[in-house]
PDB file of all heavy atoms in Angstrom:
ATOM      1  N   GLY A   1      45.556 -29.931  54.600  1.00  0.00           N
ATOM      2  CA  GLY A   1      45.178 -31.159  53.853  1.00  0.00           C
ATOM      3  C   GLY A   1      45.428 -31.132  52.368  1.00  0.00           C
ATOM      4  O   GLY A   1      46.020 -30.203  51.866  1.00  0.00           O
ATOM      5  N   THR A   2      45.060 -32.229  51.755  1.00  0.00           N
ATOM      6  CA  THR A   2      45.136 -32.445  50.329  1.00  0.00           C
ATOM      7  C   THR A   2      43.859 -33.169  49.839  1.00  0.00           C
ATOM      8  O   THR A   2      43.283 -33.933  50.571  1.00  0.00           O
ATOM      9  CB  THR A   2      46.343 -33.211  49.873  1.00  0.00           C
ATOM     10  OG1 THR A   2      46.350 -34.494  50.535  1.00  0.00           O
ATOM     11  CG2 THR A   2      47.635 -32.502  50.215  1.00  0.00           C
ATOM     12  N   TYR A   3      43.528 -32.866  48.554  1.00  0.00           N
ATOM     13  CA  TYR A   3      42.439 -33.592  47.916  1.00  0.00           C
ATOM     14  C   TYR A   3      43.018 -34.320  46.716  1.00  0.00           C
ATOM     15  O   TYR A   3      43.707 -33.739  45.865  1.00  0.00           O
ATOM     16  CB  TYR A   3      41.328 -32.637  47.453  1.00  0.00           C
ATOM     17  CG  TYR A   3      40.949 -31.552  48.398  1.00  0.00           C
ATOM     18  CD1 TYR A   3      41.478 -30.297  48.264  1.00  0.00           C
ATOM     19  CD2 TYR A   3      40.026 -31.848  49.404  1.00  0.00           C
ATOM     20  CE1 TYR A   3      41.177 -29.342  49.142  1.00  0.00           C
ATOM     21  CE2 TYR A   3      39.663 -30.778  50.314  1.00  0.00           C
ATOM     22  CZ  TYR A   3      40.255 -29.564  50.137  1.00  0.00           C
ATOM     23  OH  TYR A   3      39.968 -28.550  51.034  1.00  0.00           O
ATOM     24  N   ARG A   4      42.801 -35.657  46.664  1.00  0.00           N
ATOM     25  CA  ARG A   4      43.239 -36.420  45.485  1.00  0.00           C
ATOM     26  C   ARG A   4      42.033 -37.018  44.789  1.00  0.00           C
ATOM     27  O   ARG A   4      41.231 -37.758  45.367  1.00  0.00           O
ATOM     28  CB  ARG A   4      44.211 -37.521  45.920  1.00  0.00           C
ATOM     29  CG  ARG A   4      45.526 -36.959  46.441  1.00  0.00           C
ATOM     30  CD  ARG A   4      46.422 -38.126  46.912  1.00  0.00           C
ATOM     31  NE  ARG A   4      47.045 -38.761  45.807  1.00  0.00           N
ATOM     32  CZ  ARG A   4      47.418 -40.076  45.821  1.00  0.00           C
ATOM     33  NH1 ARG A   4      47.212 -40.859  46.858  1.00  0.00           N
ATOM     34  NH2 ARG A   4      48.053 -40.614  44.775  1.00  0.00           N
ATOM     35  N   PHE A   5      41.890 -36.754  43.460  1.00  0.00           N
ATOM     36  CA  PHE A   5      40.773 -37.223  42.743  1.00  0.00           C
ATOM     37  C   PHE A   5      41.145 -38.467  41.965  1.00  0.00           C
ATOM     38  O   PHE A   5      42.151 -38.419  41.213  1.00  0.00           O
ATOM     39  CB  PHE A   5      40.273 -36.162  41.748  1.00  0.00           C
ATOM     40  CG  PHE A   5      39.600 -34.980  42.339  1.00  0.00           C
ATOM     41  CD1 PHE A   5      40.331 -34.030  43.023  1.00  0.00           C
ATOM     42  CD2 PHE A   5      38.217 -34.904  42.365  1.00  0.00           C
ATOM     43  CE1 PHE A   5      39.639 -32.908  43.586  1.00  0.00           C
ATOM     44  CE2 PHE A   5      37.567 -33.835  42.917  1.00  0.00           C
ATOM     45  CZ  PHE A   5      38.364 -32.830  43.551  1.00  0.00           C
ATOM     46  N   PHE A   6      40.312 -39.545  42.080  1.00  0.00           N
ATOM     47  CA  PHE A   6      40.642 -40.811  41.419  1.00  0.00           C
ATOM     48  C   PHE A   6      39.441 -41.127  40.467  1.00  0.00           C
ATOM     49  O   PHE A   6      38.314 -41.029  40.799  1.00  0.00           O
ATOM     50  CB  PHE A   6      40.760 -41.961  42.389  1.00  0.00           C
ATOM     51  CG  PHE A   6      41.962 -41.884  43.290  1.00  0.00           C
ATOM     52  CD1 PHE A   6      41.984 -41.005  44.341  1.00  0.00           C
ATOM     53  CD2 PHE A   6      43.066 -42.714  43.056  1.00  0.00           C
ATOM     54  CE1 PHE A   6      43.107 -40.989  45.180  1.00  0.00           C
ATOM     55  CE2 PHE A   6      44.189 -42.703  43.917  1.00  0.00           C
ATOM     56  CZ  PHE A   6      44.177 -41.813  44.948  1.00  0.00           C
ATOM     57  N   SER A   7      39.834 -41.575  39.234  1.00  0.00           N
ATOM     58  CA  SER A   7      38.801 -42.180  38.396  1.00  0.00           C
ATOM     59  C   SER A   7      38.686 -43.640  38.845  1.00  0.00           C
ATOM     60  O   SER A   7      39.512 -44.227  39.559  1.00  0.00           O
ATOM     61  CB  SER A   7      39.230 -42.158  36.949  1.00  0.00           C
ATOM     62  OG  SER A   7      40.329 -42.990  36.686  1.00  0.00           O
ATOM     63  N   GLY A   8      37.568 -44.344  38.434  1.00  0.00           N
ATOM     64  CA  GLY A   8      37.338 -45.688  38.802  1.00  0.00           C
ATOM     65  C   GLY A   8      36.518 -45.749  40.082  1.00  0.00           C
ATOM     66  O   GLY A   8      35.880 -44.814  40.524  1.00  0.00           O
ATOM     67  N   THR A   9      36.579 -46.892  40.727  1.00  0.00           N
ATOM     68  CA  THR A   9      35.747 -47.157  41.929  1.00  0.00           C
ATOM     69  C   THR A   9      36.613 -47.422  43.145  1.00  0.00           C
ATOM     70  O   THR A   9      37.768 -47.926  43.031  1.00  0.00           O
ATOM     71  CB  THR A   9      34.835 -48.272  41.670  1.00  0.00           C
ATOM     72  OG1 THR A   9      35.611 -49.481  41.354  1.00  0.00           O
ATOM     73  CG2 THR A   9      33.873 -47.985  40.548  1.00  0.00           C
ATOM     74  N   ALA A  10      36.097 -47.150  44.290  1.00  0.00           N
ATOM     75  CA  ALA A  10      36.727 -47.487  45.530  1.00  0.00           C
ATOM     76  C   ALA A  10      35.835 -48.408  46.299  1.00  0.00           C
ATOM     77  O   ALA A  10      34.592 -48.276  46.337  1.00  0.00           O
ATOM     78  CB  ALA A  10      37.040 -46.240  46.362  1.00  0.00           C
ATOM     79  N   ARG A  11      36.448 -49.446  46.954  1.00  0.00           N
ATOM     80  CA  ARG A  11      35.665 -50.389  47.728  1.00  0.00           C
ATOM     81  C   ARG A  11      35.571 -49.853  49.184  1.00  0.00           C
ATOM     82  O   ARG A  11      36.573 -49.900  49.913  1.00  0.00           O
ATOM     83  CB  ARG A  11      36.350 -51.752  47.697  1.00  0.00           C
ATOM     84  CG  ARG A  11      36.300 -52.406  46.350  1.00  0.00           C
ATOM     85  CD  ARG A  11      36.964 -53.785  46.381  1.00  0.00           C
ATOM     86  NE  ARG A  11      36.832 -54.444  45.068  1.00  0.00           N
ATOM     87  CZ  ARG A  11      37.307 -55.665  44.826  1.00  0.00           C
ATOM     88  NH1 ARG A  11      37.809 -56.366  45.849  1.00  0.00           N
ATOM     89  NH2 ARG A  11      37.209 -56.180  43.596  1.00  0.00           N
ATOM     90  N   LEU A  12      34.425 -49.402  49.482  1.00  0.00           N
ATOM     91  CA  LEU A  12      34.204 -48.877  50.853  1.00  0.00           C
ATOM     92  C   LEU A  12      33.381 -49.912  51.654  1.00  0.00           C
ATOM     93  O   LEU A  12      32.698 -50.742  51.057  1.00  0.00           O
ATOM     94  CB  LEU A  12      33.421 -47.562  50.857  1.00  0.00           C
ATOM     95  CG  LEU A  12      34.307 -46.320  50.758  1.00  0.00           C
ATOM     96  CD1 LEU A  12      35.146 -46.284  49.537  1.00  0.00           C
ATOM     97  CD2 LEU A  12      33.430 -45.062  50.793  1.00  0.00           C
ATOM     98  N   PRO A  13      33.487 -49.903  53.009  1.00  0.00           N
ATOM     99  CA  PRO A  13      32.845 -50.934  53.785  1.00  0.00           C
ATOM    100  C   PRO A  13      31.335 -50.880  53.710  1.00  0.00           C
ATOM    101  O   PRO A  13      30.788 -49.868  53.293  1.00  0.00           O
ATOM    102  CB  PRO A  13      33.278 -50.617  55.247  1.00  0.00           C
ATOM    103  CG  PRO A  13      34.516 -49.786  55.123  1.00  0.00           C
ATOM    104  CD  PRO A  13      34.323 -49.074  53.797  1.00  0.00           C
ATOM    105  N   GLU A  14      30.661 -51.968  53.940  1.00  0.00           N
ATOM    106  CA  GLU A  14      29.253 -52.065  54.021  1.00  0.00           C
ATOM    107  C   GLU A  14      28.698 -51.067  55.015  1.00  0.00           C
ATOM    108  O   GLU A  14      29.250 -50.882  56.101  1.00  0.00           O
ATOM    109  CB  GLU A  14      28.788 -53.445  54.415  1.00  0.00           C
ATOM    110  CG  GLU A  14      27.298 -53.653  54.321  1.00  0.00           C
ATOM    111  CD  GLU A  14      26.862 -55.067  54.632  1.00  0.00           C
ATOM    112  OE1 GLU A  14      27.753 -56.013  54.694  1.00  0.00           O
ATOM    113  OE2 GLU A  14      25.654 -55.257  54.782  1.00  0.00           O
ATOM    114  N   GLY A  15      27.650 -50.326  54.643  1.00  0.00           N
ATOM    115  CA  GLY A  15      27.075 -49.338  55.483  1.00  0.00           C
ATOM    116  C   GLY A  15      27.601 -47.935  55.284  1.00  0.00           C
ATOM    117  O   GLY A  15      27.287 -46.983  56.061  1.00  0.00           O
ATOM    118  N   SER A  16      28.366 -47.708  54.193  1.00  0.00           N
ATOM    119  CA  SER A  16      29.002 -46.431  53.956  1.00  0.00           C
ATOM    120  C   SER A  16      28.121 -45.539  53.065  1.00  0.00           C
ATOM    121  O   SER A  16      28.531 -44.410  52.724  1.00  0.00           O
ATOM    122  CB  SER A  16      30.350 -46.611  53.249  1.00  0.00           C
ATOM    123  OG  SER A  16      30.231 -47.286  52.017  1.00  0.00           O
ATOM    124  N   GLU A  17      26.893 -45.961  52.766  1.00  0.00           N
ATOM    125  CA  GLU A  17      26.013 -45.185  51.932  1.00  0.00           C
ATOM    126  C   GLU A  17      25.608 -43.869  52.595  1.00  0.00           C
ATOM    127  O   GLU A  17      25.320 -43.914  53.800  1.00  0.00           O
ATOM    128  CB  GLU A  17      24.741 -45.948  51.591  1.00  0.00           C
ATOM    129  CG  GLU A  17      24.985 -47.156  50.636  1.00  0.00           C
ATOM    130  CD  GLU A  17      25.568 -48.379  51.321  1.00  0.00           C
ATOM    131  OE1 GLU A  17      25.555 -48.358  52.625  1.00  0.00           O
ATOM    132  OE2 GLU A  17      25.988 -49.294  50.648  1.00  0.00           O
ATOM    133  N   VAL A  18      25.638 -42.779  51.889  1.00  0.00           N
ATOM    134  CA  VAL A  18      25.267 -41.513  52.377  1.00  0.00           C
ATOM    135  C   VAL A  18      23.776 -41.248  52.051  1.00  0.00           C
ATOM    136  O   VAL A  18      23.372 -41.359  50.899  1.00  0.00           O
ATOM    137  CB  VAL A  18      26.121 -40.358  51.783  1.00  0.00           C
ATOM    138  CG1 VAL A  18      25.600 -38.975  52.293  1.00  0.00           C
ATOM    139  CG2 VAL A  18      27.512 -40.564  52.215  1.00  0.00           C
ATOM    140  N   VAL A  19      22.948 -40.970  53.071  1.00  0.00           N
ATOM    141  CA  VAL A  19      21.494 -40.868  52.906  1.00  0.00           C
ATOM    142  C   VAL A  19      21.017 -39.384  52.926  1.00  0.00           C
ATOM    143  O   VAL A  19      20.356 -38.887  52.037  1.00  0.00           O
ATOM    144  CB  VAL A  19      20.762 -41.686  53.882  1.00  0.00           C
ATOM    145  CG1 VAL A  19      19.236 -41.519  53.753  1.00  0.00           C
ATOM    146  CG2 VAL A  19      21.122 -43.137  53.823  1.00  0.00           C
ATOM    147  N   GLU A  20      21.483 -38.728  54.024  1.00  0.00           N
ATOM    148  CA  GLU A  20      20.912 -37.337  54.189  1.00  0.00           C
ATOM    149  C   GLU A  20      21.907 -36.230  53.834  1.00  0.00           C
ATOM    150  O   GLU A  20      21.462 -35.079  53.649  1.00  0.00           O
ATOM    151  CB  GLU A  20      20.559 -37.161  55.733  1.00  0.00           C
ATOM    152  CG  GLU A  20      19.541 -38.132  56.218  1.00  0.00           C
ATOM    153  CD  GLU A  20      19.243 -37.891  57.652  1.00  0.00           C
ATOM    154  OE1 GLU A  20      19.887 -36.979  58.286  1.00  0.00           O
ATOM    155  OE2 GLU A  20      18.387 -38.682  58.233  1.00  0.00           O
ATOM    156  N   HIS A  21      23.153 -36.544  53.599  1.00  0.00           N
ATOM    157  CA  HIS A  21      24.117 -35.450  53.382  1.00  0.00           C
ATOM    158  C   HIS A  21      24.897 -35.644  52.094  1.00  0.00           C
ATOM    159  O   HIS A  21      26.107 -35.385  51.997  1.00  0.00           O
ATOM    160  CB  HIS A  21      25.177 -35.424  54.555  1.00  0.00           C
ATOM    161  CG  HIS A  21      24.502 -35.030  55.842  1.00  0.00           C
ATOM    162  ND1 HIS A  21      24.166 -33.742  56.183  1.00  0.00           N
ATOM    163  CD2 HIS A  21      24.056 -35.826  56.894  1.00  0.00           C
ATOM    164  CE1 HIS A  21      23.580 -33.722  57.371  1.00  0.00           C
ATOM    165  NE2 HIS A  21      23.514 -34.901  57.830  1.00  0.00           N
ATOM    166  N   SER A  22      24.197 -36.030  51.020  1.00  0.00           N
ATOM    167  CA  SER A  22      24.876 -36.252  49.738  1.00  0.00           C
ATOM    168  C   SER A  22      25.370 -34.909  49.127  1.00  0.00           C
ATOM    169  O   SER A  22      26.314 -34.958  48.279  1.00  0.00           O
ATOM    170  CB  SER A  22      23.867 -36.892  48.752  1.00  0.00           C
ATOM    171  OG  SER A  22      22.713 -36.162  48.554  1.00  0.00           O
ATOM    172  N   THR A  23      24.771 -33.822  49.476  1.00  0.00           N
ATOM    173  CA  THR A  23      25.273 -32.496  48.890  1.00  0.00           C
ATOM    174  C   THR A  23      25.945 -31.606  49.940  1.00  0.00           C
ATOM    175  O   THR A  23      26.405 -30.579  49.641  1.00  0.00           O
ATOM    176  CB  THR A  23      24.051 -31.750  48.287  1.00  0.00           C
ATOM    177  OG1 THR A  23      23.167 -31.332  49.345  1.00  0.00           O
ATOM    178  CG2 THR A  23      23.309 -32.548  47.228  1.00  0.00           C
ATOM    179  N   SER A  24      26.079 -32.096  51.194  1.00  0.00           N
ATOM    180  CA  SER A  24      26.572 -31.259  52.269  1.00  0.00           C
ATOM    181  C   SER A  24      28.050 -30.817  52.064  1.00  0.00           C
ATOM    182  O   SER A  24      28.344 -29.624  52.336  1.00  0.00           O
ATOM    183  CB  SER A  24      26.471 -32.022  53.561  1.00  0.00           C
ATOM    184  OG  SER A  24      25.063 -32.227  53.901  1.00  0.00           O
ATOM    185  N   PHE A  25      28.856 -31.717  51.586  1.00  0.00           N
ATOM    186  CA  PHE A  25      30.305 -31.381  51.385  1.00  0.00           C
ATOM    187  C   PHE A  25      30.371 -30.282  50.332  1.00  0.00           C
ATOM    188  O   PHE A  25      31.052 -29.234  50.554  1.00  0.00           O
ATOM    189  CB  PHE A  25      31.078 -32.610  51.000  1.00  0.00           C
ATOM    190  CG  PHE A  25      32.553 -32.238  50.709  1.00  0.00           C
ATOM    191  CD1 PHE A  25      33.383 -31.815  51.756  1.00  0.00           C
ATOM    192  CD2 PHE A  25      33.137 -32.373  49.407  1.00  0.00           C
ATOM    193  CE1 PHE A  25      34.712 -31.490  51.524  1.00  0.00           C
ATOM    194  CE2 PHE A  25      34.392 -32.122  49.235  1.00  0.00           C
ATOM    195  CZ  PHE A  25      35.256 -31.615  50.216  1.00  0.00           C
ATOM    196  N   LEU A  26      29.694 -30.352  49.214  1.00  0.00           N
ATOM    197  CA  LEU A  26      29.712 -29.375  48.173  1.00  0.00           C
ATOM    198  C   LEU A  26      29.080 -28.095  48.675  1.00  0.00           C
ATOM    199  O   LEU A  26      29.653 -26.954  48.397  1.00  0.00           O
ATOM    200  CB  LEU A  26      28.907 -29.878  46.949  1.00  0.00           C
ATOM    201  CG  LEU A  26      28.774 -28.960  45.741  1.00  0.00           C
ATOM    202  CD1 LEU A  26      30.219 -28.636  45.252  1.00  0.00           C
ATOM    203  CD2 LEU A  26      27.991 -29.559  44.642  1.00  0.00           C
ATOM    204  N   ASP A  27      27.987 -28.160  49.429  1.00  0.00           N
ATOM    205  CA  ASP A  27      27.424 -26.929  49.965  1.00  0.00           C
ATOM    206  C   ASP A  27      28.393 -26.205  50.853  1.00  0.00           C
ATOM    207  O   ASP A  27      28.484 -24.953  50.761  1.00  0.00           O
ATOM    208  CB  ASP A  27      26.163 -27.293  50.790  1.00  0.00           C
ATOM    209  CG  ASP A  27      25.065 -27.835  49.879  1.00  0.00           C
ATOM    210  OD1 ASP A  27      25.093 -27.614  48.649  1.00  0.00           O
ATOM    211  OD2 ASP A  27      24.118 -28.522  50.457  1.00  0.00           O
ATOM    212  N   VAL A  28      29.092 -26.870  51.735  1.00  0.00           N
ATOM    213  CA  VAL A  28      30.021 -26.228  52.675  1.00  0.00           C
ATOM    214  C   VAL A  28      31.209 -25.599  51.891  1.00  0.00           C
ATOM    215  O   VAL A  28      31.678 -24.503  52.178  1.00  0.00           O
ATOM    216  CB  VAL A  28      30.547 -27.188  53.699  1.00  0.00           C
ATOM    217  CG1 VAL A  28      31.757 -26.726  54.484  1.00  0.00           C
ATOM    218  CG2 VAL A  28      29.418 -27.595  54.655  1.00  0.00           C
ATOM    219  N   VAL A  29      31.730 -26.370  50.904  1.00  0.00           N
ATOM    220  CA  VAL A  29      32.829 -25.773  50.122  1.00  0.00           C
ATOM    221  C   VAL A  29      32.420 -24.553  49.345  1.00  0.00           C
ATOM    222  O   VAL A  29      33.121 -23.502  49.313  1.00  0.00           O
ATOM    223  CB  VAL A  29      33.382 -26.827  49.161  1.00  0.00           C
ATOM    224  CG1 VAL A  29      34.530 -26.279  48.301  1.00  0.00           C
ATOM    225  CG2 VAL A  29      33.921 -28.070  49.906  1.00  0.00           C
ATOM    226  N   GLU A  30      31.247 -24.575  48.758  1.00  0.00           N
ATOM    227  CA  GLU A  30      30.702 -23.413  48.030  1.00  0.00           C
ATOM    228  C   GLU A  30      30.524 -22.240  48.931  1.00  0.00           C
ATOM    229  O   GLU A  30      30.833 -21.046  48.610  1.00  0.00           O
ATOM    230  CB  GLU A  30      29.409 -23.758  47.251  1.00  0.00           C
ATOM    231  CG  GLU A  30      29.667 -24.626  46.062  1.00  0.00           C
ATOM    232  CD  GLU A  30      28.311 -25.024  45.346  1.00  0.00           C
ATOM    233  OE1 GLU A  30      27.309 -24.982  46.085  1.00  0.00           O
ATOM    234  OE2 GLU A  30      28.338 -25.214  44.152  1.00  0.00           O
ATOM    235  N   SER A  31      29.996 -22.461  50.170  1.00  0.00           N
ATOM    236  CA  SER A  31      29.786 -21.387  51.161  1.00  0.00           C
ATOM    237  C   SER A  31      31.080 -20.761  51.573  1.00  0.00           C
ATOM    238  O   SER A  31      31.190 -19.556  51.696  1.00  0.00           O
ATOM    239  CB  SER A  31      29.077 -21.940  52.372  1.00  0.00           C
ATOM    240  OG  SER A  31      27.763 -22.430  52.026  1.00  0.00           O
ATOM    241  N   PHE A  32      32.101 -21.667  51.786  1.00  0.00           N
ATOM    242  CA  PHE A  32      33.424 -21.172  52.143  1.00  0.00           C
ATOM    243  C   PHE A  32      34.035 -20.300  51.047  1.00  0.00           C
ATOM    244  O   PHE A  32      34.621 -19.224  51.327  1.00  0.00           O
ATOM    245  CB  PHE A  32      34.369 -22.312  52.480  1.00  0.00           C
ATOM    246  CG  PHE A  32      35.702 -21.869  52.924  1.00  0.00           C
ATOM    247  CD1 PHE A  32      36.037 -21.606  54.242  1.00  0.00           C
ATOM    248  CD2 PHE A  32      36.749 -21.729  51.989  1.00  0.00           C
ATOM    249  CE1 PHE A  32      37.259 -21.219  54.659  1.00  0.00           C
ATOM    250  CE2 PHE A  32      38.025 -21.319  52.384  1.00  0.00           C
ATOM    251  CZ  PHE A  32      38.259 -21.034  53.746  1.00  0.00           C
ATOM    252  N   GLN A  33      33.880 -20.739  49.805  1.00  0.00           N
ATOM    253  CA  GLN A  33      34.457 -19.995  48.703  1.00  0.00           C
ATOM    254  C   GLN A  33      33.713 -18.611  48.527  1.00  0.00           C
ATOM    255  O   GLN A  33      34.344 -17.604  48.286  1.00  0.00           O
ATOM    256  CB  GLN A  33      34.348 -20.709  47.389  1.00  0.00           C
ATOM    257  CG  GLN A  33      34.812 -20.014  46.155  1.00  0.00           C
ATOM    258  CD  GLN A  33      36.287 -19.705  46.144  1.00  0.00           C
ATOM    259  OE1 GLN A  33      36.979 -20.082  47.091  1.00  0.00           O
ATOM    260  NE2 GLN A  33      36.745 -18.996  45.113  1.00  0.00           N
ATOM    261  N   LEU A  34      32.421 -18.603  48.706  1.00  0.00           N
ATOM    262  CA  LEU A  34      31.639 -17.390  48.680  1.00  0.00           C
ATOM    263  C   LEU A  34      32.069 -16.359  49.738  1.00  0.00           C
ATOM    264  O   LEU A  34      32.242 -15.154  49.466  1.00  0.00           O
ATOM    265  CB  LEU A  34      30.137 -17.654  48.805  1.00  0.00           C
ATOM    266  CG  LEU A  34      29.201 -16.472  48.793  1.00  0.00           C
ATOM    267  CD1 LEU A  34      29.368 -15.673  47.441  1.00  0.00           C
ATOM    268  CD2 LEU A  34      27.769 -16.869  48.958  1.00  0.00           C
ATOM    269  N   LYS A  35      32.259 -16.898  50.938  1.00  0.00           N
ATOM    270  CA  LYS A  35      32.738 -16.106  52.075  1.00  0.00           C
ATOM    271  C   LYS A  35      34.085 -15.532  51.743  1.00  0.00           C
ATOM    272  O   LYS A  35      34.377 -14.311  52.017  1.00  0.00           O
ATOM    273  CB  LYS A  35      32.787 -16.920  53.293  1.00  0.00           C
ATOM    274  CG  LYS A  35      33.359 -16.172  54.487  1.00  0.00           C
ATOM    275  CD  LYS A  35      33.504 -17.053  55.734  1.00  0.00           C
ATOM    276  CE  LYS A  35      34.082 -16.341  56.908  1.00  0.00           C
ATOM    277  NZ  LYS A  35      34.272 -17.235  58.089  1.00  0.00           N
ATOM    278  N   ARG A  36      34.995 -16.284  51.106  1.00  0.00           N
ATOM    279  CA  ARG A  36      36.336 -15.831  50.756  1.00  0.00           C
ATOM    280  C   ARG A  36      36.264 -14.690  49.734  1.00  0.00           C
ATOM    281  O   ARG A  36      36.970 -13.725  49.798  1.00  0.00           O
ATOM    282  CB  ARG A  36      37.187 -16.993  50.244  1.00  0.00           C
ATOM    283  CG  ARG A  36      38.571 -16.616  49.818  1.00  0.00           C
ATOM    284  CD  ARG A  36      39.346 -17.891  49.366  1.00  0.00           C
ATOM    285  NE  ARG A  36      39.797 -18.647  50.514  1.00  0.00           N
ATOM    286  CZ  ARG A  36      40.627 -19.741  50.374  1.00  0.00           C
ATOM    287  NH1 ARG A  36      40.861 -20.159  49.196  1.00  0.00           N
ATOM    288  NH2 ARG A  36      41.046 -20.382  51.454  1.00  0.00           N
ATOM    289  N   VAL A  37      35.383 -14.877  48.684  1.00  0.00           N
ATOM    290  CA  VAL A  37      35.229 -13.850  47.654  1.00  0.00           C
ATOM    291  C   VAL A  37      34.697 -12.575  48.241  1.00  0.00           C
ATOM    292  O   VAL A  37      35.190 -11.490  47.905  1.00  0.00           O
ATOM    293  CB  VAL A  37      34.296 -14.321  46.602  1.00  0.00           C
ATOM    294  CG1 VAL A  37      33.907 -13.284  45.626  1.00  0.00           C
ATOM    295  CG2 VAL A  37      34.920 -15.557  45.796  1.00  0.00           C
ATOM    296  N   ILE A  38      33.686 -12.629  49.151  1.00  0.00           N
ATOM    297  CA  ILE A  38      33.192 -11.502  49.779  1.00  0.00           C
ATOM    298  C   ILE A  38      34.254 -10.757  50.599  1.00  0.00           C
ATOM    299  O   ILE A  38      34.323  -9.527  50.493  1.00  0.00           O
ATOM    300  CB  ILE A  38      31.938 -11.842  50.640  1.00  0.00           C
ATOM    301  CG1 ILE A  38      30.744 -12.371  49.704  1.00  0.00           C
ATOM    302  CG2 ILE A  38      31.484 -10.655  51.482  1.00  0.00           C
ATOM    303  CD1 ILE A  38      29.661 -12.885  50.538  1.00  0.00           C
ATOM    304  N   GLU A  39      34.885 -11.549  51.391  1.00  0.00           N
ATOM    305  CA  GLU A  39      35.990 -10.893  52.223  1.00  0.00           C
ATOM    306  C   GLU A  39      37.057 -10.232  51.440  1.00  0.00           C
ATOM    307  O   GLU A  39      37.633  -9.199  51.794  1.00  0.00           O
ATOM    308  CB  GLU A  39      36.512 -11.944  53.211  1.00  0.00           C
ATOM    309  CG  GLU A  39      35.584 -12.349  54.275  1.00  0.00           C
ATOM    310  CD  GLU A  39      36.114 -13.493  55.143  1.00  0.00           C
ATOM    311  OE1 GLU A  39      37.170 -14.084  54.749  1.00  0.00           O
ATOM    312  OE2 GLU A  39      35.581 -13.826  56.195  1.00  0.00           O
ATOM    313  N   SER A  40      37.366 -10.893  50.290  1.00  0.00           N
ATOM    314  CA  SER A  40      38.365 -10.304  49.354  1.00  0.00           C
ATOM    315  C   SER A  40      37.930  -8.963  48.835  1.00  0.00           C
ATOM    316  O   SER A  40      38.671  -8.057  48.702  1.00  0.00           O
ATOM    317  CB  SER A  40      38.687 -11.290  48.275  1.00  0.00           C
ATOM    318  OG  SER A  40      39.602 -10.728  47.365  1.00  0.00           O
ATOM    319  N   GLY A  41      36.586  -8.922  48.424  1.00  0.00           N
ATOM    320  CA  GLY A  41      36.039  -7.684  47.907  1.00  0.00           C
ATOM    321  C   GLY A  41      36.024  -6.532  48.888  1.00  0.00           C
ATOM    322  O   GLY A  41      36.289  -5.448  48.594  1.00  0.00           O
ATOM    323  N   LEU A  42      35.737  -6.899  50.181  1.00  0.00           N
ATOM    324  CA  LEU A  42      35.634  -5.907  51.213  1.00  0.00           C
ATOM    325  C   LEU A  42      36.981  -5.352  51.592  1.00  0.00           C
ATOM    326  O   LEU A  42      37.089  -4.246  52.177  1.00  0.00           O
ATOM    327  CB  LEU A  42      34.953  -6.560  52.471  1.00  0.00           C
ATOM    328  CG  LEU A  42      33.487  -6.879  52.334  1.00  0.00           C
ATOM    329  CD1 LEU A  42      33.009  -7.549  53.610  1.00  0.00           C
ATOM    330  CD2 LEU A  42      32.665  -5.622  52.048  1.00  0.00           C
ATOM    331  N   SER A  43      38.073  -6.081  51.292  1.00  0.00           N
ATOM    332  CA  SER A  43      39.373  -5.679  51.658  1.00  0.00           C
ATOM    333  C   SER A  43      39.909  -4.521  50.810  1.00  0.00           C
ATOM    334  O   SER A  43      40.943  -3.888  51.095  1.00  0.00           O
ATOM    335  CB  SER A  43      40.342  -6.847  51.630  1.00  0.00           C
ATOM    336  OG  SER A  43      40.559  -7.253  50.310  1.00  0.00           O
ATOM    337  N   PHE A  44      39.254  -4.269  49.612  1.00  0.00           N
ATOM    338  CA  PHE A  44      39.714  -3.150  48.749  1.00  0.00           C
ATOM    339  C   PHE A  44      39.111  -1.853  49.139  1.00  0.00           C
ATOM    340  O   PHE A  44      37.952  -1.841  49.615  1.00  0.00           O
ATOM    341  CB  PHE A  44      39.303  -3.485  47.264  1.00  0.00           C
ATOM    342  CG  PHE A  44      40.218  -4.621  46.692  1.00  0.00           C
ATOM    343  CD1 PHE A  44      39.761  -5.905  46.668  1.00  0.00           C
ATOM    344  CD2 PHE A  44      41.486  -4.310  46.223  1.00  0.00           C
ATOM    345  CE1 PHE A  44      40.567  -6.911  46.180  1.00  0.00           C
ATOM    346  CE2 PHE A  44      42.248  -5.291  45.722  1.00  0.00           C
ATOM    347  CZ  PHE A  44      41.800  -6.634  45.710  1.00  0.00           C
TER     348      PHE A  44
END
């Protein structure tokens, strides 16, 4: 995949509001990065 960051606003359909998982994407990415760092350290 790719990630593209845009300034400004995007028009998303009605009903696209995030209620319960506003931090979930960040949490998963941080967990993946931590796992990668740990595995890198164990490889030495």
